[in-house]
């Protein structure tokens, strides 16, 4: 009987240890989410500050002077990611085929689908 109680206590202790480790991960994840939300809010505030300071700069500097200082307009976005050339190629080929109004003939490599010439010299499909 005492052996059973000892085993139960060990089992419960092991289960609690596992649960504590899992709960620690949940708490860590929750803290990370909160930190990200705070960082996003701080970024939004900084972006507002940048827009205000840019407006102040535009009042006392000309656009050419600001370009010489290599300051960029915060309302204009920088260059994005380069386009995927394979997508552009696919679009060009699909535009060509859909723009002509006719469907190009497709050849088949399967001999059973090729036109057959009969004894009279005409082709059977």
PDB file of N, CA and C in Angstrom:
ATOM      1  N   UNK A   1       0.811  -1.180   0.000  1.00  0.00           N
ATOM      2  CA  UNK A   1       0.000   0.000   0.000  1.00  0.00           C
ATOM      3  C   UNK A   1       0.866   1.260   0.000  1.00  0.00           C
ATOM      4  N   UNK A   2       1.879   1.292   0.825  1.00  0.00           N
ATOM      5  CA  UNK A   2       2.783   2.434   0.883  1.00  0.00           C
ATOM      6  C   UNK A   2       3.548   2.566  -0.422  1.00  0.00           C
ATOM      7  N   UNK A   3       3.811   1.413  -1.045  1.00  0.00           N
ATOM      8  CA  UNK A   3       4.489   1.402  -2.345  1.00  0.00           C
ATOM      9  C   UNK A   3       3.621   2.068  -3.414  1.00  0.00           C
ATOM     10  N   UNK A   4       2.314   1.788  -3.385  1.00  0.00           N
ATOM     11  CA  UNK A   4       1.377   2.378  -4.348  1.00  0.00           C
ATOM     12  C   UNK A   4       1.310   3.896  -4.183  1.00  0.00           C
ATOM     13  N   UNK A   5       1.285   4.350  -2.937  1.00  0.00           N
ATOM     14  CA  UNK A   5       1.214   5.793  -2.666  1.00  0.00           C
ATOM     15  C   UNK A   5       2.503   6.472  -3.139  1.00  0.00           C
ATOM     16  N   UNK A   6       3.633   5.815  -2.932  1.00  0.00           N
ATOM     17  CA  UNK A   6       4.910   6.361  -3.362  1.00  0.00           C
ATOM     18  C   UNK A   6       4.979   6.456  -4.884  1.00  0.00           C
ATOM     19  N   UNK A   7       4.491   5.403  -5.563  1.00  0.00           N
ATOM     20  CA  UNK A   7       4.483   5.411  -7.026  1.00  0.00           C
ATOM     21  C   UNK A   7       3.536   6.486  -7.560  1.00  0.00           C
ATOM     22  N   UNK A   8       2.378   6.630  -6.924  1.00  0.00           N
ATOM     23  CA  UNK A   8       1.423   7.666  -7.339  1.00  0.00           C
ATOM     24  C   UNK A   8       2.028   9.058  -7.164  1.00  0.00           C
ATOM     25  N   UNK A   9       2.729   9.269  -6.057  1.00  0.00           N
ATOM     26  CA  UNK A   9       3.346  10.573  -5.802  1.00  0.00           C
ATOM     27  C   UNK A   9       4.429  10.861  -6.839  1.00  0.00           C
ATOM     28  N   UNK A  10       5.215   9.850  -7.191  1.00  0.00           N
ATOM     29  CA  UNK A  10       6.253  10.022  -8.215  1.00  0.00           C
ATOM     30  C   UNK A  10       5.628  10.319  -9.576  1.00  0.00           C
ATOM     31  N   UNK A  11       4.558   9.604  -9.887  1.00  0.00           N
ATOM     32  CA  UNK A  11       3.851   9.813 -11.152  1.00  0.00           C
ATOM     33  C   UNK A  11       3.299  11.232 -11.227  1.00  0.00           C
ATOM     34  N   UNK A  12       2.683  11.679 -10.149  1.00  0.00           N
ATOM     35  CA  UNK A  12       2.122  13.031 -10.113  1.00  0.00           C
ATOM     36  C   UNK A  12       3.226  14.085 -10.210  1.00  0.00           C
ATOM     37  N   UNK A  13       4.348  13.847  -9.555  1.00  0.00           N
ATOM     38  CA  UNK A  13       5.465  14.790  -9.612  1.00  0.00           C
ATOM     39  C   UNK A  13       6.015  14.878 -11.037  1.00  0.00           C
ATOM     40  N   UNK A  14       6.132  13.742 -11.688  1.00  0.00           N
ATOM     41  CA  UNK A  14       6.625  13.729 -13.076  1.00  0.00           C
ATOM     42  C   UNK A  14       5.641  14.442 -14.003  1.00  0.00           C
ATOM     43  N   UNK A  15       4.359  14.209 -13.803  1.00  0.00           N
ATOM     44  CA  UNK A  15       3.330  14.861 -14.620  1.00  0.00           C
ATOM     45  C   UNK A  15       3.345  16.371 -14.398  1.00  0.00           C
ATOM     46  N   UNK A  16       3.506  16.786 -13.144  1.00  0.00           N
ATOM     47  CA  UNK A  16       3.554  18.222 -12.851  1.00  0.00           C
ATOM     48  C   UNK A  16       4.791  18.876 -13.484  1.00  0.00           C
ATOM     49  N   UNK A  17       5.909  18.169 -13.482  1.00  0.00           N
ATOM     50  CA  UNK A  17       7.130  18.691 -14.100  1.00  0.00           C
ATOM     51  C   UNK A  17       6.917  18.902 -15.589  1.00  0.00           C
ATOM     52  N   UNK A  18       6.304  17.907 -16.242  1.00  0.00           N
ATOM     53  CA  UNK A  18       6.012  18.039 -17.672  1.00  0.00           C
ATOM     54  C   UNK A  18       5.060  19.204 -17.931  1.00  0.00           C
ATOM     55  N   UNK A  19       4.059  19.326 -17.100  1.00  0.00           N
ATOM     56  CA  UNK A  19       3.071  20.388 -17.268  1.00  0.00           C
ATOM     57  C   UNK A  19       3.722  21.752 -17.052  1.00  0.00           C
ATOM     58  N   UNK A  20       4.614  21.867 -16.068  1.00  0.00           N
ATOM     59  CA  UNK A  20       5.296  23.139 -15.805  1.00  0.00           C
ATOM     60  C   UNK A  20       6.133  23.556 -17.011  1.00  0.00           C
ATOM     61  N   UNK A  21       6.828  22.590 -17.624  1.00  0.00           N
ATOM     62  CA  UNK A  21       7.631  22.900 -18.807  1.00  0.00           C
ATOM     63  C   UNK A  21       6.739  23.395 -19.945  1.00  0.00           C
ATOM     64  N   UNK A  22       5.597  22.763 -20.123  1.00  0.00           N
ATOM     65  CA  UNK A  22       4.672  23.177 -21.174  1.00  0.00           C
ATOM     66  C   UNK A  22       4.075  24.545 -20.876  1.00  0.00           C
ATOM     67  N   UNK A  23       3.725  24.772 -19.632  1.00  0.00           N
ATOM     68  CA  UNK A  23       3.159  26.066 -19.256  1.00  0.00           C
ATOM     69  C   UNK A  23       4.196  27.177 -19.409  1.00  0.00           C
ATOM     70  N   UNK A  24       5.465  26.845 -19.160  1.00  0.00           N
ATOM     71  CA  UNK A  24       6.534  27.818 -19.330  1.00  0.00           C
ATOM     72  C   UNK A  24       6.612  28.241 -20.814  1.00  0.00           C
ATOM     73  N   UNK A  25       6.447  27.281 -21.733  1.00  0.00           N
ATOM     74  CA  UNK A  25       6.468  27.591 -23.158  1.00  0.00           C
ATOM     75  C   UNK A  25       5.281  28.476 -23.551  1.00  0.00           C
ATOM     76  N   UNK A  26       4.115  28.196 -22.976  1.00  0.00           N
ATOM     77  CA  UNK A  26       2.934  29.009 -23.253  1.00  0.00           C
ATOM     78  C   UNK A  26       3.167  30.445 -22.779  1.00  0.00           C
ATOM     79  N   UNK A  27       3.717  30.601 -21.596  1.00  0.00           N
ATOM     80  CA  UNK A  27       3.992  31.936 -21.058  1.00  0.00           C
ATOM     81  C   UNK A  27       5.018  32.671 -21.919  1.00  0.00           C
ATOM     82  N   UNK A  28       6.050  31.958 -22.360  1.00  0.00           N
ATOM     83  CA  UNK A  28       7.070  32.563 -23.221  1.00  0.00           C
ATOM     84  C   UNK A  28       6.457  33.011 -24.549  1.00  0.00           C
ATOM     85  N   UNK A  29       5.614  32.171 -25.131  1.00  0.00           N
ATOM     86  CA  UNK A  29       4.961  32.516 -26.391  1.00  0.00           C
ATOM     87  C   UNK A  29       4.063  33.741 -26.221  1.00  0.00           C
ATOM     88  N   UNK A  30       3.326  33.767 -25.141  1.00  0.00           N
ATOM     89  CA  UNK A  30       2.440  34.893 -24.856  1.00  0.00           C
ATOM     90  C   UNK A  30       3.242  36.186 -24.712  1.00  0.00           C
ATOM     91  N   UNK A  31       4.374  36.119 -24.035  1.00  0.00           N
ATOM     92  CA  UNK A  31       5.234  37.293 -23.873  1.00  0.00           C
ATOM     93  C   UNK A  31       5.788  37.756 -25.217  1.00  0.00           C
ATOM     94  N   UNK A  32       6.129  36.811 -26.092  1.00  0.00           N
ATOM     95  CA  UNK A  32       6.626  37.166 -27.420  1.00  0.00           C
ATOM     96  C   UNK A  32       5.552  37.865 -28.246  1.00  0.00           C
ATOM     97  N   UNK A  33       4.329  37.377 -28.171  1.00  0.00           N
ATOM     98  CA  UNK A  33       3.219  38.003 -28.900  1.00  0.00           C
ATOM     99  C   UNK A  33       3.019  39.437 -28.404  1.00  0.00           C
ATOM    100  N   UNK A  34       3.051  39.613 -27.104  1.00  0.00           N
ATOM    101  CA  UNK A  34       2.879  40.948 -26.523  1.00  0.00           C
ATOM    102  C   UNK A  34       4.000  41.878 -26.971  1.00  0.00           C
ATOM    103  N   UNK A  35       5.223  41.381 -27.005  1.00  0.00           N
ATOM    104  CA  UNK A  35       6.364  42.194 -27.438  1.00  0.00           C
ATOM    105  C   UNK A  35       6.224  42.613 -28.897  1.00  0.00           C
ATOM    106  N   UNK A  36       5.745  41.699 -29.734  1.00  0.00           N
ATOM    107  CA  UNK A  36       5.539  42.024 -31.151  1.00  0.00           C
ATOM    108  C   UNK A  36       4.469  43.094 -31.296  1.00  0.00           C
ATOM    109  N   UNK A  37       3.372  42.967 -30.555  1.00  0.00           N
ATOM    110  CA  UNK A  37       2.299  43.967 -30.613  1.00  0.00           C
ATOM    111  C   UNK A  37       2.807  45.332 -30.156  1.00  0.00           C
ATOM    112  N   UNK A  38       3.615  45.360 -29.099  1.00  0.00           N
ATOM    113  CA  UNK A  38       4.186  46.620 -28.616  1.00  0.00           C
ATOM    114  C   UNK A  38       5.142  47.219 -29.649  1.00  0.00           C
ATOM    115  N   UNK A  39       5.921  46.367 -30.298  1.00  0.00           N
ATOM    116  CA  UNK A  39       6.858  46.847 -31.319  1.00  0.00           C
ATOM    117  C   UNK A  39       6.100  47.431 -32.509  1.00  0.00           C
ATOM    118  N   UNK A  40       5.007  46.775 -32.907  1.00  0.00           N
ATOM    119  CA  UNK A  40       4.192  47.301 -34.010  1.00  0.00           C
ATOM    120  C   UNK A  40       3.603  48.658 -33.647  1.00  0.00           C
ATOM    121  N   UNK A  41       3.122  48.794 -32.432  1.00  0.00           N
ATOM    122  CA  UNK A  41       2.559  50.072 -31.984  1.00  0.00           C
ATOM    123  C   UNK A  41       3.650  51.143 -31.965  1.00  0.00           C
ATOM    124  N   UNK A  42       4.837  50.792 -31.481  1.00  0.00           N
ATOM    125  CA  UNK A  42       5.950  51.744 -31.456  1.00  0.00           C
ATOM    126  C   UNK A  42       6.358  52.135 -32.877  1.00  0.00           C
ATOM    127  N   UNK A  43       6.354  51.172 -33.789  1.00  0.00           N
ATOM    128  CA  UNK A  43       6.689  51.461 -35.184  1.00  0.00           C
ATOM    129  C   UNK A  43       5.666  52.419 -35.792  1.00  0.00           C
ATOM    130  N   UNK A  44       4.400  52.202 -35.527  1.00  0.00           N
ATOM    131  CA  UNK A  44       3.359  53.094 -36.044  1.00  0.00           C
ATOM    132  C   UNK A  44       3.560  54.513 -35.521  1.00  0.00           C
ATOM    133  N   UNK A  45       3.920  54.635 -34.254  1.00  0.00           N
ATOM    134  CA  UNK A  45       4.184  55.958 -33.682  1.00  0.00           C
ATOM    135  C   UNK A  45       5.393  56.617 -34.340  1.00  0.00           C
ATOM    136  N   UNK A  46       6.465  55.854 -34.553  1.00  0.00           N
ATOM    137  CA  UNK A  46       7.668  56.396 -35.186  1.00  0.00           C
ATOM    138  C   UNK A  46       7.356  56.827 -36.619  1.00  0.00           C
ATOM    139  N   UNK A  47       6.525  56.050 -37.328  1.00  0.00           N
ATOM    140  CA  UNK A  47       6.171  56.419 -38.694  1.00  0.00           C
ATOM    141  C   UNK A  47       5.406  57.738 -38.719  1.00  0.00           C
ATOM    142  N   UNK A  48       4.539  57.958 -37.736  1.00  0.00           N
ATOM    143  CA  UNK A  48       3.833  59.237 -37.634  1.00  0.00           C
ATOM    144  C   UNK A  48       4.825  60.370 -37.382  1.00  0.00           C
ATOM    145  N   UNK A  49       5.814  60.122 -36.527  1.00  0.00           N
ATOM    146  CA  UNK A  49       6.839  61.126 -36.239  1.00  0.00           C
ATOM    147  C   UNK A  49       7.650  61.451 -37.491  1.00  0.00           C
ATOM    148  N   UNK A  50       7.957  60.428 -38.286  1.00  0.00           N
ATOM    149  CA  UNK A  50       8.720  60.634 -39.518  1.00  0.00           C
ATOM    150  C   UNK A  50       7.926  61.512 -40.485  1.00  0.00           C
ATOM    151  N   UNK A  51       6.642  61.254 -40.614  1.00  0.00           N
ATOM    152  CA  UNK A  51       5.801  62.052 -41.512  1.00  0.00           C
ATOM    153  C   UNK A  51       5.752  63.505 -41.042  1.00  0.00           C
ATOM    154  N   UNK A  52       5.617  63.706 -39.732  1.00  0.00           N
ATOM    155  CA  UNK A  52       5.610  65.079 -39.194  1.00  0.00           C
ATOM    156  C   UNK A  52       6.943  65.785 -39.432  1.00  0.00           C
ATOM    157  N   UNK A  53       8.035  65.086 -39.194  1.00  0.00           N
ATOM    158  CA  UNK A  53       9.345  65.723 -39.383  1.00  0.00           C
ATOM    159  C   UNK A  53       9.608  65.989 -40.861  1.00  0.00           C
ATOM    160  N   UNK A  54       9.115  65.120 -41.737  1.00  0.00           N
ATOM    161  CA  UNK A  54       9.275  65.339 -43.175  1.00  0.00           C
ATOM    162  C   UNK A  54       8.510  66.594 -43.602  1.00  0.00           C
ATOM    163  N   UNK A  55       7.308  66.763 -43.079  1.00  0.00           N
ATOM    164  CA  UNK A  55       6.516  67.954 -43.389  1.00  0.00           C
ATOM    165  C   UNK A  55       7.260  69.211 -42.942  1.00  0.00           C
ATOM    166  N   UNK A  56       7.892  69.149 -41.783  1.00  0.00           N
ATOM    167  CA  UNK A  56       8.665  70.296 -41.297  1.00  0.00           C
ATOM    168  C   UNK A  56       9.859  70.557 -42.208  1.00  0.00           C
ATOM    169  N   UNK A  57      10.520  69.505 -42.674  1.00  0.00           N
ATOM    170  CA  UNK A  57      11.659  69.670 -43.588  1.00  0.00           C
ATOM    171  C   UNK A  57      11.215  70.314 -44.899  1.00  0.00           C
ATOM    172  N   UNK A  58      10.079  69.871 -45.414  1.00  0.00           N
ATOM    173  CA  UNK A  58       9.596  70.407 -46.689  1.00  0.00           C
ATOM    174  C   UNK A  58       9.247  71.894 -46.606  1.00  0.00           C
ATOM    175  N   UNK A  59       8.948  72.351 -45.421  1.00  0.00           N
ATOM    176  CA  UNK A  59       8.632  73.773 -45.261  1.00  0.00           C
ATOM    177  C   UNK A  59       9.873  74.654 -45.391  1.00  0.00           C
ATOM    178  N   UNK A  60      11.048  74.153 -45.058  1.00  0.00           N
ATOM    179  CA  UNK A  60      12.250  74.978 -45.051  1.00  0.00           C
ATOM    180  C   UNK A  60      13.289  74.564 -46.087  1.00  0.00           C
ATOM    181  N   UNK A  61      13.123  73.389 -46.720  1.00  0.00           N
ATOM    182  CA  UNK A  61      14.069  72.915 -47.723  1.00  0.00           C
ATOM    183  C   UNK A  61      13.310  72.672 -49.031  1.00  0.00           C
ATOM    184  N   UNK A  62      14.002  72.827 -50.148  1.00  0.00           N
ATOM    185  CA  UNK A  62      13.395  72.492 -51.435  1.00  0.00           C
ATOM    186  C   UNK A  62      13.566  70.994 -51.673  1.00  0.00           C
ATOM    187  N   UNK A  63      12.772  70.481 -52.620  1.00  0.00           N
ATOM    188  CA  UNK A  63      12.872  69.051 -52.930  1.00  0.00           C
ATOM    189  C   UNK A  63      14.258  68.697 -53.453  1.00  0.00           C
ATOM    190  N   UNK A  64      14.846  69.568 -54.256  1.00  0.00           N
ATOM    191  CA  UNK A  64      16.186  69.280 -54.787  1.00  0.00           C
ATOM    192  C   UNK A  64      17.228  69.286 -53.665  1.00  0.00           C
ATOM    193  N   UNK A  65      17.075  70.173 -52.696  1.00  0.00           N
ATOM    194  CA  UNK A  65      18.004  70.190 -51.565  1.00  0.00           C
ATOM    195  C   UNK A  65      17.862  68.920 -50.723  1.00  0.00           C
ATOM    196  N   UNK A  66      16.640  68.476 -50.534  1.00  0.00           N
ATOM    197  CA  UNK A  66      16.421  67.243 -49.771  1.00  0.00           C
ATOM    198  C   UNK A  66      17.011  66.046 -50.509  1.00  0.00           C
ATOM    199  N   UNK A  67      16.915  66.056 -51.849  1.00  0.00           N
ATOM    200  CA  UNK A  67      17.524  64.971 -52.628  1.00  0.00           C
ATOM    201  C   UNK A  67      19.043  65.000 -52.480  1.00  0.00           C
ATOM    202  N   UNK A  68      19.616  66.211 -52.473  1.00  0.00           N
ATOM    203  CA  UNK A  68      21.063  66.326 -52.286  1.00  0.00           C
ATOM    204  C   UNK A  68      21.494  65.805 -50.919  1.00  0.00           C
ATOM    205  N   UNK A  69      20.642  65.980 -49.926  1.00  0.00           N
ATOM    206  CA  UNK A  69      20.933  65.462 -48.586  1.00  0.00           C
ATOM    207  C   UNK A  69      20.663  63.957 -48.482  1.00  0.00           C
ATOM    208  N   UNK A  70      20.125  63.398 -49.574  1.00  0.00           N
ATOM    209  CA  UNK A  70      19.786  61.966 -49.664  1.00  0.00           C
ATOM    210  C   UNK A  70      18.737  61.563 -48.632  1.00  0.00           C
ATOM    211  N   UNK A  71      17.816  62.490 -48.383  1.00  0.00           N
ATOM    212  CA  UNK A  71      16.670  62.180 -47.524  1.00  0.00           C
ATOM    213  C   UNK A  71      15.516  61.778 -48.430  1.00  0.00           C
ATOM    214  N   UNK A  72      14.847  60.714 -48.099  1.00  0.00           N
ATOM    215  CA  UNK A  72      13.774  60.243 -48.968  1.00  0.00           C
ATOM    216  C   UNK A  72      12.410  60.602 -48.392  1.00  0.00           C
ATOM    217  N   UNK A  73      11.497  60.826 -49.287  1.00  0.00           N
ATOM    218  CA  UNK A  73      10.124  61.141 -48.929  1.00  0.00           C
ATOM    219  C   UNK A  73       9.486  59.889 -48.315  1.00  0.00           C
ATOM    220  N   UNK A  74       8.999  59.957 -47.086  1.00  0.00           N
ATOM    221  CA  UNK A  74       8.438  58.761 -46.456  1.00  0.00           C
ATOM    222  C   UNK A  74       7.142  58.275 -47.113  1.00  0.00           C
ATOM    223  N   UNK A  75       6.487  59.117 -47.891  1.00  0.00           N
ATOM    224  CA  UNK A  75       5.248  58.680 -48.538  1.00  0.00           C
ATOM    225  C   UNK A  75       5.522  57.856 -49.788  1.00  0.00           C
ATOM    226  N   UNK A  76       6.771  57.928 -50.306  1.00  0.00           N
ATOM    227  CA  UNK A  76       7.125  57.149 -51.492  1.00  0.00           C
ATOM    228  C   UNK A  76       7.803  55.866 -51.052  1.00  0.00           C
ATOM    229  N   UNK A  77       7.368  54.773 -51.642  1.00  0.00           N
ATOM    230  CA  UNK A  77       7.932  53.477 -51.284  1.00  0.00           C
ATOM    231  C   UNK A  77       9.178  53.205 -52.105  1.00  0.00           C
ATOM    232  N   UNK A  78      10.082  52.485 -51.510  1.00  0.00           N
ATOM    233  CA  UNK A  78      11.294  52.087 -52.203  1.00  0.00           C
ATOM    234  C   UNK A  78      11.004  50.984 -53.201  1.00  0.00           C
ATOM    235  N   UNK A  79      12.016  50.601 -53.961  1.00  0.00           N
ATOM    236  CA  UNK A  79      11.800  49.523 -54.934  1.00  0.00           C
ATOM    237  C   UNK A  79      11.468  48.220 -54.225  1.00  0.00           C
ATOM    238  N   UNK A  80      10.621  47.450 -54.843  1.00  0.00           N
ATOM    239  CA  UNK A  80      10.192  46.179 -54.253  1.00  0.00           C
ATOM    240  C   UNK A  80      11.046  45.023 -54.703  1.00  0.00           C
ATOM    241  N   UNK A  81      10.523  43.856 -54.488  1.00  0.00           N
ATOM    242  CA  UNK A  81      11.202  42.632 -54.866  1.00  0.00           C
ATOM    243  C   UNK A  81      11.165  42.479 -56.382  1.00  0.00           C
ATOM    244  N   UNK A  82      12.239  42.007 -57.006  1.00  0.00           N
ATOM    245  CA  UNK A  82      12.223  41.840 -58.457  1.00  0.00           C
ATOM    246  C   UNK A  82      11.174  40.819 -58.870  1.00  0.00           C
ATOM    247  N   UNK A  83      10.629  41.037 -60.050  1.00  0.00           N
ATOM    248  CA  UNK A  83       9.616  40.109 -60.554  1.00  0.00           C
ATOM    249  C   UNK A  83      10.251  38.789 -60.943  1.00  0.00           C
ATOM    250  N   UNK A  84       9.463  37.754 -60.815  1.00  0.00           N
ATOM    251  CA  UNK A  84       9.910  36.419 -61.197  1.00  0.00           C
ATOM    252  C   UNK A  84       9.791  36.310 -62.718  1.00  0.00           C
ATOM    253  N   UNK A  85      10.919  36.100 -63.402  1.00  0.00           N
ATOM    254  CA  UNK A  85      10.915  36.074 -64.860  1.00  0.00           C
ATOM    255  C   UNK A  85      10.078  34.943 -65.421  1.00  0.00           C
ATOM    256  N   UNK A  86      10.017  33.813 -64.742  1.00  0.00           N
ATOM    257  CA  UNK A  86       9.232  32.696 -65.259  1.00  0.00           C
ATOM    258  C   UNK A  86       7.751  33.046 -65.290  1.00  0.00           C
ATOM    259  N   UNK A  87       7.275  33.834 -64.296  1.00  0.00           N
ATOM    260  CA  UNK A  87       5.881  34.262 -64.303  1.00  0.00           C
ATOM    261  C   UNK A  87       5.623  35.207 -65.457  1.00  0.00           C
ATOM    262  N   UNK A  88       6.576  36.105 -65.725  1.00  0.00           N
ATOM    263  CA  UNK A  88       6.413  37.035 -66.831  1.00  0.00           C
ATOM    264  C   UNK A  88       6.348  36.284 -68.152  1.00  0.00           C
ATOM    265  N   UNK A  89       7.197  35.278 -68.311  1.00  0.00           N
ATOM    266  CA  UNK A  89       7.188  34.487 -69.536  1.00  0.00           C
ATOM    267  C   UNK A  89       5.851  33.789 -69.724  1.00  0.00           C
ATOM    268  N   UNK A  90       5.329  33.209 -68.647  1.00  0.00           N
ATOM    269  CA  UNK A  90       4.036  32.510 -68.741  1.00  0.00           C
ATOM    270  C   UNK A  90       2.935  33.480 -69.120  1.00  0.00           C
ATOM    271  N   UNK A  91       2.968  34.688 -68.532  1.00  0.00           N
ATOM    272  CA  UNK A  91       1.943  35.671 -68.842  1.00  0.00           C
ATOM    273  C   UNK A  91       2.033  36.085 -70.297  1.00  0.00           C
ATOM    274  N   UNK A  92       3.244  36.313 -70.803  1.00  0.00           N
ATOM    275  CA  UNK A  92       3.404  36.718 -72.198  1.00  0.00           C
ATOM    276  C   UNK A  92       2.880  35.650 -73.138  1.00  0.00           C
ATOM    277  N   UNK A  93       3.194  34.396 -72.872  1.00  0.00           N
ATOM    278  CA  UNK A  93       2.741  33.332 -73.765  1.00  0.00           C
ATOM    279  C   UNK A  93       1.239  33.141 -73.667  1.00  0.00           C
ATOM    280  N   UNK A  94       0.661  33.291 -72.474  1.00  0.00           N
ATOM    281  CA  UNK A  94      -0.791  33.145 -72.361  1.00  0.00           C
ATOM    282  C   UNK A  94      -1.498  34.323 -73.009  1.00  0.00           C
ATOM    283  N   UNK A  95      -0.911  35.520 -72.957  1.00  0.00           N
ATOM    284  CA  UNK A  95      -1.506  36.677 -73.616  1.00  0.00           C
ATOM    285  C   UNK A  95      -1.468  36.530 -75.129  1.00  0.00           C
ATOM    286  N   UNK A  96      -0.397  35.978 -75.637  1.00  0.00           N
ATOM    287  CA  UNK A  96      -0.291  35.777 -77.090  1.00  0.00           C
ATOM    288  C   UNK A  96      -1.339  34.794 -77.577  1.00  0.00           C
ATOM    289  N   UNK A  97      -1.475  33.679 -76.881  1.00  0.00           N
ATOM    290  CA  UNK A  97      -2.412  32.661 -77.351  1.00  0.00           C
ATOM    291  C   UNK A  97      -3.855  33.103 -77.165  1.00  0.00           C
ATOM    292  N   UNK A  98      -4.158  33.836 -76.082  1.00  0.00           N
ATOM    293  CA  UNK A  98      -5.536  34.268 -75.872  1.00  0.00           C
ATOM    294  C   UNK A  98      -5.872  35.499 -76.701  1.00  0.00           C
ATOM    295  N   UNK A  99      -4.881  36.273 -77.087  1.00  0.00           N
ATOM    296  CA  UNK A  99      -5.127  37.497 -77.833  1.00  0.00           C
ATOM    297  C   UNK A  99      -5.371  37.256 -79.310  1.00  0.00           C
ATOM    298  N   UNK A 100      -4.979  36.137 -79.873  1.00  0.00           N
ATOM    299  CA  UNK A 100      -5.097  35.915 -81.307  1.00  0.00           C
ATOM    300  C   UNK A 100      -6.493  35.479 -81.703  1.00  0.00           C
ATOM    301  N   UNK A 101      -7.258  34.937 -80.806  1.00  0.00           N
ATOM    302  CA  UNK A 101      -8.617  34.504 -81.118  1.00  0.00           C
ATOM    303  C   UNK A 101      -8.692  33.101 -81.682  1.00  0.00           C
ATOM    304  N   UNK A 102      -7.581  32.540 -82.100  1.00  0.00           N
ATOM    305  CA  UNK A 102      -7.598  31.180 -82.616  1.00  0.00           C
ATOM    306  C   UNK A 102      -6.746  30.301 -81.727  1.00  0.00           C
ATOM    307  N   UNK A 103      -7.071  29.038 -81.706  1.00  0.00           N
ATOM    308  CA  UNK A 103      -6.331  28.092 -80.892  1.00  0.00           C
ATOM    309  C   UNK A 103      -5.321  27.405 -81.783  1.00  0.00           C
ATOM    310  N   UNK A 104      -4.036  27.428 -81.432  1.00  0.00           N
ATOM    311  CA  UNK A 104      -3.032  26.777 -82.274  1.00  0.00           C
ATOM    312  C   UNK A 104      -3.214  25.270 -82.258  1.00  0.00           C
ATOM    313  N   UNK A 105      -2.881  24.651 -83.376  1.00  0.00           N
ATOM    314  CA  UNK A 105      -2.990  23.199 -83.481  1.00  0.00           C
ATOM    315  C   UNK A 105      -1.957  22.564 -82.579  1.00  0.00           C
ATOM    316  N   UNK A 106      -2.361  21.515 -81.894  1.00  0.00           N
ATOM    317  CA  UNK A 106      -1.442  20.830 -81.006  1.00  0.00           C
ATOM    318  C   UNK A 106      -1.037  19.520 -81.648  1.00  0.00           C
ATOM    319  N   UNK A 107       0.254  19.269 -81.660  1.00  0.00           N
ATOM    320  CA  UNK A 107       0.723  18.010 -82.211  1.00  0.00           C
ATOM    321  C   UNK A 107       0.889  17.021 -81.071  1.00  0.00           C
ATOM    322  N   UNK A 108       0.696  15.792 -81.392  1.00  0.00           N
ATOM    323  CA  UNK A 108       0.798  14.754 -80.381  1.00  0.00           C
ATOM    324  C   UNK A 108       1.962  13.846 -80.718  1.00  0.00           C
ATOM    325  N   UNK A 109       2.632  13.365 -79.693  1.00  0.00           N
ATOM    326  CA  UNK A 109       3.713  12.407 -79.903  1.00  0.00           C
ATOM    327  C   UNK A 109       3.211  10.983 -79.915  1.00  0.00           C
ATOM    328  N   UNK A 110       1.926  10.795 -79.669  1.00  0.00           N
ATOM    329  CA  UNK A 110       1.339   9.468 -79.640  1.00  0.00           C
ATOM    330  C   UNK A 110       0.982   9.056 -81.059  1.00  0.00           C
ATOM    331  N   UNK A 111       1.580   7.968 -81.597  1.00  0.00           N
ATOM    332  CA  UNK A 111       1.328   7.561 -82.986  1.00  0.00           C
ATOM    333  C   UNK A 111      -0.137   7.206 -83.231  1.00  0.00           C
ATOM    334  N   UNK A 112      -0.855   6.734 -82.227  1.00  0.00           N
ATOM    335  CA  UNK A 112      -2.258   6.363 -82.439  1.00  0.00           C
ATOM    336  C   UNK A 112      -3.136   7.586 -82.645  1.00  0.00           C
ATOM    337  N   UNK A 113      -2.662   8.776 -82.228  1.00  0.00           N
ATOM    338  CA  UNK A 113      -3.432  10.002 -82.398  1.00  0.00           C
ATOM    339  C   UNK A 113      -3.027  10.766 -83.649  1.00  0.00           C
ATOM    340  N   UNK A 114      -2.014  10.298 -84.386  1.00  0.00           N
ATOM    341  CA  UNK A 114      -1.567  10.954 -85.607  1.00  0.00           C
ATOM    342  C   UNK A 114      -2.490  10.563 -86.753  1.00  0.00           C
ATOM    343  N   UNK A 115      -2.709  11.488 -87.704  1.00  0.00           N
ATOM    344  CA  UNK A 115      -3.545  11.136 -88.864  1.00  0.00           C
ATOM    345  C   UNK A 115      -2.921   9.964 -89.621  1.00  0.00           C
ATOM    346  N   UNK A 116      -3.763   9.051 -90.041  1.00  0.00           N
ATOM    347  CA  UNK A 116      -3.300   7.868 -90.776  1.00  0.00           C
ATOM    348  C   UNK A 116      -3.685   8.010 -92.248  1.00  0.00           C
ATOM    349  N   UNK A 117      -2.792   7.588 -93.119  1.00  0.00           N
ATOM    350  CA  UNK A 117      -3.076   7.614 -94.547  1.00  0.00           C
ATOM    351  C   UNK A 117      -3.622   6.256 -94.922  1.00  0.00           C
ATOM    352  N   UNK A 118      -4.818   6.275 -95.585  1.00  0.00           N
ATOM    353  CA  UNK A 118      -5.395   5.004 -95.989  1.00  0.00           C
ATOM    354  C   UNK A 118      -4.925   4.637 -97.396  1.00  0.00           C
ATOM    355  N   UNK A 119      -5.398   3.548 -97.949  1.00  0.00           N
ATOM    356  CA  UNK A 119      -4.958   3.053 -99.245  1.00  0.00           C
ATOM    357  C   UNK A 119      -5.280   4.019-100.368  1.00  0.00           C
ATOM    358  N   UNK A 120      -6.355   4.811-100.221  1.00  0.00           N
ATOM    359  CA  UNK A 120      -6.756   5.742-101.261  1.00  0.00           C
ATOM    360  C   UNK A 120      -5.899   7.008-101.241  1.00  0.00           C
ATOM    361  N   UNK A 121      -5.080   7.198-100.206  1.00  0.00           N
ATOM    362  CA  UNK A 121      -4.199   8.359-100.130  1.00  0.00           C
ATOM    363  C   UNK A 121      -4.748   9.469 -99.298  1.00  0.00           C
ATOM    364  N   UNK A 122      -5.963   9.353 -98.748  1.00  0.00           N
ATOM    365  CA  UNK A 122      -6.494  10.398 -97.877  1.00  0.00           C
ATOM    366  C   UNK A 122      -6.120  10.075 -96.440  1.00  0.00           C
ATOM    367  N   UNK A 123      -6.218  11.084 -95.597  1.00  0.00           N
ATOM    368  CA  UNK A 123      -5.829  10.873 -94.208  1.00  0.00           C
ATOM    369  C   UNK A 123      -7.056  10.625 -93.343  1.00  0.00           C
ATOM    370  N   UNK A 124      -6.962   9.666 -92.473  1.00  0.00           N
ATOM    371  CA  UNK A 124      -8.004   9.375 -91.481  1.00  0.00           C
ATOM    372  C   UNK A 124      -7.553   9.907 -90.143  1.00  0.00           C
ATOM    373  N   UNK A 125      -8.480  10.404 -89.395  1.00  0.00           N
ATOM    374  CA  UNK A 125      -8.138  10.918 -88.079  1.00  0.00           C
ATOM    375  C   UNK A 125      -8.522   9.930 -87.022  1.00  0.00           C
TER     376      UNK A 125
END
